Protein backbone atom coordinates (compact mmCIF):
# COMPACT_ATOMS: atom_id res chain seq x y z
CA UNK A 1 -3.06 18.27 -31.08
CA UNK A 2 -3.97 16.37 -27.90
CA UNK A 3 -1.38 14.94 -25.53
CA UNK A 4 -1.55 11.30 -24.41
CA UNK A 5 0.02 9.16 -21.71
CA UNK A 6 0.43 5.39 -21.92
CA UNK A 7 -0.18 3.89 -18.46
CA UNK A 8 1.31 0.48 -17.61
CA UNK A 9 0.24 -1.52 -14.55
CA UNK A 10 2.38 -4.65 -14.26
CA UNK A 11 1.18 -7.80 -12.52
CA UNK A 12 2.88 -11.12 -11.90
CA UNK A 13 2.18 -12.48 -15.39
CA UNK A 14 0.27 -9.77 -17.22
CA UNK A 15 0.37 -6.04 -17.79
CA UNK A 16 -2.77 -3.91 -17.86
CA UNK A 17 -2.44 -0.72 -19.85
CA UNK A 18 -4.47 2.29 -20.87
CA UNK A 19 -3.98 5.23 -23.21
CA UNK A 20 -5.22 8.51 -21.76
CA UNK A 21 -5.78 11.91 -23.31
CA UNK A 22 -4.30 14.29 -20.71
CA UNK A 23 -4.92 17.60 -22.47
CA UNK A 24 -7.90 18.41 -20.23
CA UNK A 25 -7.96 18.73 -16.43
CA UNK A 26 -9.16 15.12 -16.01
CA UNK A 27 -7.53 12.37 -18.12
CA UNK A 28 -9.84 10.66 -20.61
CA UNK A 29 -9.41 6.97 -21.42
CA UNK A 30 -8.99 6.35 -25.16
CA UNK A 31 -8.36 2.61 -25.09
CA UNK A 32 -7.31 -0.10 -22.65
CA UNK A 33 -5.74 -3.50 -22.94
CA UNK A 34 -3.82 -6.44 -21.57
CA UNK A 35 -0.45 -7.97 -22.32
CA UNK A 36 -1.08 -11.52 -21.13
CA UNK A 37 1.88 -13.85 -20.70
CA UNK A 38 -0.02 -16.69 -18.97
CA UNK A 39 -0.12 -18.87 -22.05
CA UNK A 40 2.45 -20.43 -24.39
CA UNK A 41 1.58 -17.73 -26.92
CA UNK A 42 1.67 -14.37 -25.11
CA UNK A 43 -1.30 -12.29 -26.21
CA UNK A 44 -2.10 -8.61 -26.67
CA UNK A 45 -5.71 -7.45 -26.50
CA UNK A 46 -6.80 -3.82 -26.96
CA UNK A 47 -10.34 -2.66 -26.22
CA UNK A 48 -12.31 0.56 -26.45
CA UNK A 49 -13.31 2.24 -23.14
CA UNK A 50 -16.76 0.60 -23.39
CA UNK A 51 -15.20 -2.84 -23.85
CA UNK A 52 -15.51 -3.62 -27.54
CA UNK A 53 -12.47 -5.28 -29.15
CA UNK A 54 -10.18 -3.07 -31.20
CA UNK A 55 -7.10 -5.19 -31.78
CA UNK A 56 -5.66 -8.58 -30.83
CA UNK A 57 -2.46 -10.44 -31.62
CA UNK A 58 -0.23 -13.14 -30.14
CA UNK A 59 3.39 -14.18 -30.47
CA UNK A 60 4.99 -17.58 -30.80
CA UNK A 61 8.16 -17.06 -28.77
CA UNK A 62 7.54 -16.34 -25.07
CA UNK A 63 11.11 -15.21 -24.46
CA UNK A 64 10.74 -12.44 -27.05
CA UNK A 65 7.10 -11.64 -26.47
CA UNK A 66 7.46 -8.63 -24.21
CA UNK A 67 9.44 -6.48 -26.64
CA UNK A 68 7.44 -7.49 -29.71
CA UNK A 69 4.09 -6.93 -28.00
CA UNK A 70 5.15 -3.53 -26.67
CA UNK A 71 6.12 -2.59 -30.21
CA UNK A 72 2.66 -3.73 -31.33
CA UNK A 73 1.06 -1.53 -28.64
CA UNK A 74 2.98 1.52 -29.85
CA UNK A 75 2.21 0.69 -33.48
CA UNK A 76 -1.50 0.38 -32.70
CA UNK A 77 -1.50 3.71 -30.85
CA UNK A 78 0.22 5.48 -33.73
CA UNK A 79 -2.14 3.95 -36.27
CA UNK A 80 -5.33 4.59 -34.31
CA UNK A 81 -4.45 7.83 -32.51
CA UNK A 82 -1.77 9.26 -34.78
CA UNK A 83 -3.10 12.79 -34.43
CA UNK A 84 -2.17 12.83 -30.75
CA UNK A 85 1.27 13.24 -29.26
CA UNK A 86 2.46 10.48 -26.89
CA UNK A 87 4.07 12.56 -24.14
CA UNK A 88 5.03 9.89 -21.62
CA UNK A 89 4.61 6.37 -20.32
CA UNK A 90 3.51 6.08 -16.70
CA UNK A 91 4.37 3.01 -14.64
CA UNK A 92 3.08 1.60 -11.37
CA UNK A 93 6.19 0.85 -9.33
CA UNK A 94 5.45 -1.12 -6.18
CA UNK A 95 8.29 0.05 -3.92
CA UNK A 96 9.65 3.59 -3.84
CA UNK A 97 11.52 3.26 -0.57
CA UNK A 98 11.95 6.27 1.70
CA UNK A 99 13.05 8.66 -1.06
CA UNK A 100 9.88 8.96 -3.13
CA UNK A 101 6.70 10.61 -1.89
CA UNK A 102 5.31 11.31 -5.37
CA UNK A 103 5.77 10.57 -9.08
CA UNK A 104 9.18 11.05 -10.65
CA UNK A 105 10.66 11.05 -14.15
CA UNK A 106 12.76 7.92 -14.52
CA UNK A 107 16.48 8.36 -15.13
CA UNK A 108 19.22 5.74 -15.17
CA UNK A 109 20.19 6.75 -11.63
CA UNK A 110 16.65 6.47 -10.28
CA UNK A 111 16.09 3.13 -12.03
CA UNK A 112 19.26 1.78 -10.42
CA UNK A 113 18.04 2.91 -6.98
CA UNK A 114 14.66 1.28 -7.57
CA UNK A 115 16.35 -1.95 -8.67
CA UNK A 116 18.24 -1.91 -5.37
CA UNK A 117 14.86 -2.15 -3.59
CA UNK A 118 14.13 -5.53 -5.23
CA UNK A 119 14.84 -7.50 -2.01
CA UNK A 120 11.93 -5.62 -0.40
CA UNK A 121 9.51 -6.65 -3.17
CA UNK A 122 11.10 -9.54 -5.08
CA UNK A 123 7.81 -10.67 -6.61
CA UNK A 124 6.85 -7.22 -7.87
CA UNK A 125 9.77 -4.84 -8.39
CA UNK A 126 11.42 -6.69 -11.29
CA UNK A 127 8.06 -7.03 -13.06
CA UNK A 128 7.39 -3.30 -12.64
CA UNK A 129 10.80 -2.28 -13.98
CA UNK A 130 10.93 -4.69 -16.93
CA UNK A 131 8.54 -2.61 -19.11
CA UNK A 132 10.65 0.48 -18.36
CA UNK A 133 13.68 -1.17 -19.95
CA UNK A 134 11.66 -2.56 -22.86
CA UNK A 135 10.14 0.81 -23.73
CA UNK A 136 13.51 2.53 -23.36
CA UNK A 137 14.93 0.14 -25.95
CA UNK A 138 12.01 0.54 -28.36
CA UNK A 139 11.45 4.29 -27.87
CA UNK A 140 14.56 5.76 -26.21
CA UNK A 141 13.32 9.35 -26.42
CA UNK A 142 10.02 8.69 -24.61
CA UNK A 143 9.70 10.18 -21.11
CA UNK A 144 8.90 7.51 -18.53
CA UNK A 145 7.35 8.31 -15.16
CA UNK A 146 7.23 6.17 -12.01
CA UNK A 147 4.19 6.30 -9.72
CA UNK A 148 4.70 4.48 -6.45
CA UNK A 149 2.41 2.21 -4.42
CA UNK A 150 4.28 3.28 -1.30
CA UNK A 151 3.87 7.04 -1.86
CA UNK A 152 0.35 7.31 -0.39
CA UNK A 153 1.70 5.97 2.91
CA UNK A 154 4.80 8.19 2.91
CA UNK A 155 3.47 10.17 5.85
CA UNK A 156 3.15 7.17 8.15
CA UNK A 157 4.59 8.20 11.50
CA UNK A 158 5.59 6.41 14.70
CA UNK A 159 4.35 4.26 16.23
CA UNK A 160 2.52 2.99 13.10
CA UNK A 161 5.68 3.17 10.98
CA UNK A 162 7.93 1.29 13.38
CA UNK A 163 9.10 -2.24 14.05
CA UNK A 164 10.21 -3.11 17.58
CA UNK A 165 13.84 -3.46 16.50
CA UNK A 166 16.97 -1.54 17.56
CA UNK A 167 16.98 1.98 16.17
CA UNK A 168 20.03 1.36 13.99
CA UNK A 169 17.89 -0.76 11.69
CA UNK A 170 15.25 1.93 11.28
CA UNK A 171 18.07 4.32 10.39
CA UNK A 172 18.89 1.94 7.53
CA UNK A 173 15.34 2.12 6.19
CA UNK A 174 13.84 -0.94 7.87
CA UNK A 175 10.41 0.43 8.66
CA UNK A 176 6.80 -0.02 7.61
CA UNK A 177 6.10 1.44 4.15
CA UNK A 178 2.71 0.07 3.07
CA UNK A 179 1.52 -0.73 -0.45
CA UNK A 180 -1.57 -0.56 -2.73
CA UNK A 181 -1.27 3.21 -2.37
CA UNK A 182 -2.51 4.07 -5.86
CA UNK A 183 -5.67 2.05 -5.21
CA UNK A 184 -6.23 3.59 -1.78
CA UNK A 185 -5.67 7.08 -3.16
CA UNK A 186 -8.24 6.57 -5.90
CA UNK A 187 -10.86 5.08 -3.58
CA UNK A 188 -10.34 7.86 -1.03
CA UNK A 189 -10.99 10.36 -3.81
CA UNK A 190 -14.16 8.55 -4.88
CA UNK A 191 -15.42 8.55 -1.28
CA UNK A 192 -14.94 12.32 -1.21
CA UNK A 193 -17.15 12.56 -4.30
CA UNK A 194 -19.97 10.24 -3.23
CA UNK A 195 -20.01 10.85 0.54
CA UNK A 196 -18.01 14.00 1.36
CA UNK A 197 -19.42 14.04 4.90
CA UNK A 198 -17.39 10.89 5.62
CA UNK A 199 -13.98 12.16 4.51
CA UNK A 200 -13.06 13.45 7.95
CA UNK A 201 -14.43 10.32 9.61
CA UNK A 202 -12.61 7.14 10.62
CA UNK A 203 -12.38 5.07 7.43
CA UNK A 204 -10.85 1.71 6.51
CA UNK A 205 -10.38 0.66 2.88
CA UNK A 206 -10.07 -3.09 2.29
CA UNK A 207 -8.22 -3.74 -0.97
CA UNK A 208 -8.89 -7.47 -1.37
CA UNK A 209 -7.44 -9.32 -4.33
CA UNK A 210 -4.58 -11.66 -5.12
CA UNK A 211 -2.64 -9.12 -3.10
CA UNK A 212 -4.59 -7.71 -0.16
CA UNK A 213 -4.16 -5.01 2.45
CA UNK A 214 -6.09 -2.56 4.58
CA UNK A 215 -5.57 1.17 4.98
CA UNK A 216 -6.78 3.31 7.88
CA UNK A 217 -7.59 6.86 6.80
CA UNK A 218 -8.66 10.10 8.35
CA UNK A 219 -9.14 13.27 6.29
CA UNK A 220 -8.21 11.19 3.23
CA UNK A 221 -4.71 10.47 4.56
CA UNK A 222 -3.17 7.11 5.37
CA UNK A 223 -2.32 6.77 9.04
CA UNK A 224 -1.87 2.99 9.21
CA UNK A 225 -1.85 -0.02 6.91
CA UNK A 226 -1.43 -3.78 7.19
CA UNK A 227 1.56 -4.24 4.86
CA UNK A 228 4.97 -3.25 6.17
CA UNK A 229 8.51 -3.33 4.82
CA UNK A 230 7.43 -5.74 2.08
CA UNK A 231 4.13 -6.80 0.43
CA UNK A 232 4.17 -10.02 2.49
CA UNK A 233 2.68 -8.72 5.74
CA UNK A 234 -0.90 -8.47 6.93
CA UNK A 235 -3.83 -10.26 5.32
CA UNK A 236 -3.96 -13.72 3.77
CA UNK A 237 -3.43 -13.34 0.00
CA UNK A 238 -3.56 -15.50 -3.10
CA UNK A 239 -0.13 -17.11 -2.66
CA UNK A 240 1.34 -14.94 0.14
CA UNK A 241 1.00 -15.84 3.80
CA UNK A 242 0.40 -12.43 5.37
CA UNK A 243 1.30 -11.93 9.03
CA UNK A 244 3.28 -14.83 10.46
CA UNK A 245 5.18 -15.58 13.65
CA UNK A 246 8.84 -14.82 12.79
CA UNK A 247 9.75 -17.87 14.84
CA UNK A 248 8.18 -19.98 12.09
CA UNK A 249 10.78 -18.66 9.65
CA UNK A 250 13.61 -19.44 12.04
CA UNK A 251 12.20 -22.93 12.57
CA UNK A 252 11.98 -23.59 8.82
CA UNK A 253 15.63 -22.67 8.36
CA UNK A 254 17.03 -24.26 11.52
CA UNK A 255 14.98 -27.47 11.71
CA UNK A 256 13.52 -28.03 8.23
CA UNK A 257 16.88 -27.16 6.66
CA UNK A 258 15.29 -24.74 4.21
CA UNK A 259 17.50 -22.15 2.56
CA UNK A 260 16.65 -18.46 2.54
CA UNK A 261 15.66 -18.80 -1.10
CA UNK A 262 13.36 -21.73 -0.33
CA UNK A 263 11.68 -19.85 2.51
CA UNK A 264 11.21 -16.82 0.27
CA UNK A 265 9.62 -18.96 -2.44
CA UNK A 266 7.35 -20.59 0.14
CA UNK A 267 6.14 -17.25 1.51
CA UNK A 268 5.57 -15.58 -1.85
CA UNK A 269 4.44 -18.43 -4.10
CA UNK A 270 3.20 -21.43 -2.08
CA UNK A 271 1.28 -19.92 0.82
CA UNK A 272 -1.94 -17.92 1.30
CA UNK A 273 -5.15 -19.25 -0.21
CA UNK A 274 -3.20 -21.62 -2.42
CA UNK A 275 -1.13 -23.03 0.42
CA UNK A 276 -4.03 -23.53 2.83
CA UNK A 277 -6.41 -25.01 0.27
CA UNK A 278 -3.92 -26.95 -1.84
CA UNK A 279 -6.36 -26.22 -4.67
CA UNK A 280 -6.08 -22.69 -6.01
CA UNK A 281 -5.08 -19.10 -5.28
CA UNK A 282 -8.22 -17.88 -7.05
CA UNK A 283 -11.03 -16.97 -4.67
CA UNK A 284 -13.62 -17.73 -7.37
CA UNK A 285 -12.40 -21.32 -7.62
CA UNK A 286 -12.42 -21.75 -3.85
CA UNK A 287 -15.93 -20.33 -3.44
CA UNK A 288 -17.20 -22.73 -6.10
CA UNK A 289 -15.46 -25.75 -4.55
CA UNK A 290 -17.09 -28.24 -2.19
CA UNK A 291 -13.74 -29.34 -0.78
CA UNK A 292 -13.28 -28.80 2.96
CA UNK A 293 -9.82 -27.36 2.40
CA UNK A 294 -11.27 -24.68 0.13
CA UNK A 295 -13.72 -23.62 2.85
CA UNK A 296 -10.91 -23.59 5.39
CA UNK A 297 -8.88 -21.21 3.19
CA UNK A 298 -11.87 -18.90 2.71
CA UNK A 299 -12.59 -18.99 6.44
CA UNK A 300 -9.02 -18.02 7.29
CA UNK A 301 -9.13 -15.21 4.71
CA UNK A 302 -12.26 -13.64 6.21
CA UNK A 303 -11.09 -14.24 9.79
CA UNK A 304 -7.79 -12.47 9.19
CA UNK A 305 -9.47 -9.62 7.29
CA UNK A 306 -11.97 -8.96 10.09
CA UNK A 307 -9.26 -9.31 12.73
CA UNK A 308 -7.10 -6.69 11.04
CA UNK A 309 -10.02 -4.34 10.42
CA UNK A 310 -10.35 -4.30 14.21
CA UNK A 311 -6.62 -3.62 14.46
CA UNK A 312 -6.89 -0.65 12.09
CA UNK A 313 -9.92 0.59 14.02
CA UNK A 314 -7.73 0.66 17.12
CA UNK A 315 -5.35 3.02 15.32
CA UNK A 316 -8.30 5.20 14.32
CA UNK A 317 -9.94 5.08 17.75
CA UNK A 318 -13.11 3.64 16.23
CA UNK A 319 -14.70 3.12 12.84
CA UNK A 320 -17.26 5.09 10.84
CA UNK A 321 -16.80 3.78 7.30
CA UNK A 322 -15.64 0.50 5.72
CA UNK A 323 -14.96 0.27 1.98
CA UNK A 324 -14.39 -2.88 -0.09
CA UNK A 325 -12.35 -2.69 -3.30
CA UNK A 326 -10.03 -4.88 -5.42
CA UNK A 327 -10.95 -7.99 -7.39
CA UNK A 328 -12.33 -9.92 -4.40
CA UNK A 329 -13.65 -6.88 -2.57
CA UNK A 330 -15.62 -5.70 -5.59
CA UNK A 331 -16.94 -9.03 -6.88
CA UNK A 332 -17.20 -11.56 -4.03
CA UNK A 333 -20.40 -10.79 -2.13
CA UNK A 334 -19.95 -13.92 0.01
CA UNK A 335 -16.60 -12.61 1.26
CA UNK A 336 -17.99 -9.15 2.03
CA UNK A 337 -20.89 -10.75 3.88
CA UNK A 338 -18.65 -13.06 5.92
CA UNK A 339 -16.34 -10.22 6.94
CA UNK A 340 -19.38 -8.13 7.85
CA UNK A 341 -20.72 -10.92 10.06
CA UNK A 342 -17.41 -11.18 11.88
CA UNK A 343 -17.56 -7.42 12.52
CA UNK A 344 -21.16 -7.34 13.72
CA UNK A 345 -19.92 -6.66 17.26
CA UNK A 346 -18.54 -3.35 15.97
CA UNK A 347 -21.92 -2.36 14.56
CA UNK A 348 -21.37 -3.48 10.95
CA UNK A 349 -24.64 -4.57 9.34
CA UNK A 350 -24.63 -5.48 5.64
CA UNK A 351 -27.89 -5.55 3.69
CA UNK A 352 -28.02 -8.90 1.87
CA UNK A 353 -29.86 -7.64 -1.22
CA UNK A 354 -27.58 -4.63 -1.65
CA UNK A 355 -24.53 -6.82 -1.11
CA UNK A 356 -25.63 -9.41 -3.67
CA UNK A 357 -26.22 -6.64 -6.20
CA UNK A 358 -22.85 -5.04 -5.35
CA UNK A 359 -24.49 -1.67 -4.94
CA UNK A 360 -22.33 1.30 -4.07
CA UNK A 361 -23.58 1.38 -0.48
CA UNK A 362 -24.36 -1.99 1.07
CA UNK A 363 -24.96 -1.36 4.77
CA UNK A 364 -28.44 -1.84 6.21
CA UNK A 365 -30.32 1.03 7.82
CA UNK A 366 -29.48 -0.15 11.33
CA UNK A 367 -25.73 -0.31 10.68
CA UNK A 368 -23.58 1.95 12.83
CA UNK A 369 -20.85 1.72 10.17
CA UNK A 370 -21.29 2.97 6.59
CA UNK A 371 -20.21 0.18 4.20
CA UNK A 372 -19.38 0.78 0.52
CA UNK A 373 -18.22 -1.15 -2.54
CA UNK A 374 -16.07 1.20 -4.63
CA UNK A 375 -14.26 -0.20 -7.70
CA UNK A 376 -10.64 0.88 -7.80
CA UNK A 377 -8.85 2.40 -10.78
CA UNK A 378 -5.07 2.50 -10.42
CA UNK A 379 -4.60 3.40 -14.08
CA UNK A 380 -6.51 6.70 -13.85
CA UNK A 381 -4.48 7.62 -10.76
CA UNK A 382 -1.25 7.02 -12.67
CA UNK A 383 -2.59 9.11 -15.57
CA UNK A 384 -3.47 11.95 -13.19
CA UNK A 385 -0.04 11.92 -11.58
CA UNK A 386 1.69 11.86 -14.97
CA UNK A 387 -0.44 14.70 -16.31
CA UNK A 388 0.33 16.84 -13.26
CA UNK A 389 4.05 16.13 -13.54
CA UNK A 390 4.07 16.88 -17.27
CA UNK A 391 2.29 20.19 -16.74
CA UNK A 392 4.37 21.14 -13.70
CA UNK A 393 7.74 20.34 -15.25
CA UNK A 394 6.80 21.37 -18.80
CA UNK A 395 8.00 18.03 -20.14
CA UNK A 396 8.16 17.96 -23.94
């Protein structure tokens, strides 16, 4: 009998999932799907690894959709893959704080500690933990494992890990953590497979999507990143502002009479591409628009990305390899090209034909910097971590 792990990757209004056979050394995807709560009737879609539809259903009541659809997922798995034993559910948890440098089996005590980190990721942490509670109610005996977006950056050291605040605040955990770690970890592993000669070189991975951040790596390890204590810092994002003068926040509260809650909502939900354009948070919509405000938002996005690539290169002492990943990084050739143009002074040269075709390597022959497009896969990373933990702890 084969062992399987159900991987859940929670977003702001949808949950990607995959069922993996973890009996062998490398997990094998059996099916994948989406729990989509965008619409009035939340929808469940399950597909085969190659993309063909296997199952679809929707529910009438949004408030009850999560539990019912999770039950449908488990029912589908049992019906389709009943000969395999479901050993665990693995979850992407955005913030692990300072305590977690790797995956961990979720207990009531650990869940409570992760809930206490919600102020550091208010947009993400509740969404990540909600499926944990739902599955615990539906299948109380099922082992659940947390895999953390912060874990890959756990080794960040001063000065990269520090804010210029009194030391008593750092002692309380106010430091730079970094996020998108599961994505960076996967892409770093893929680079080792396709260009092992570059692993020891100075590398920056640009995870560009609705959430966006950069990671500076050497020897496959994170040594700096653009997000800090929370997922707000760094690059311009879909609805998040990225780096901002803290004086702006004081001004909004002191002179615009905005409450803390109003400022938080502004920074997380009304800023970024959406705030600048006034049109959309979706890069595809903005690239297709002829509105000047859309172009201004795109211009700011690429400006900030290039600016912070240079910042990460300062940490590295130079740059040998630049990798694009994430929804925008993988699919928006115009964005890759614009960032490349802004970095031409560093020796970045992108080949237009390779870029338009989204080939694996897109730099031209005269580029000093190697430039890649590597699709990310957070779900396989979660499956790998879960499989290793199951084997190491002999979880039954």
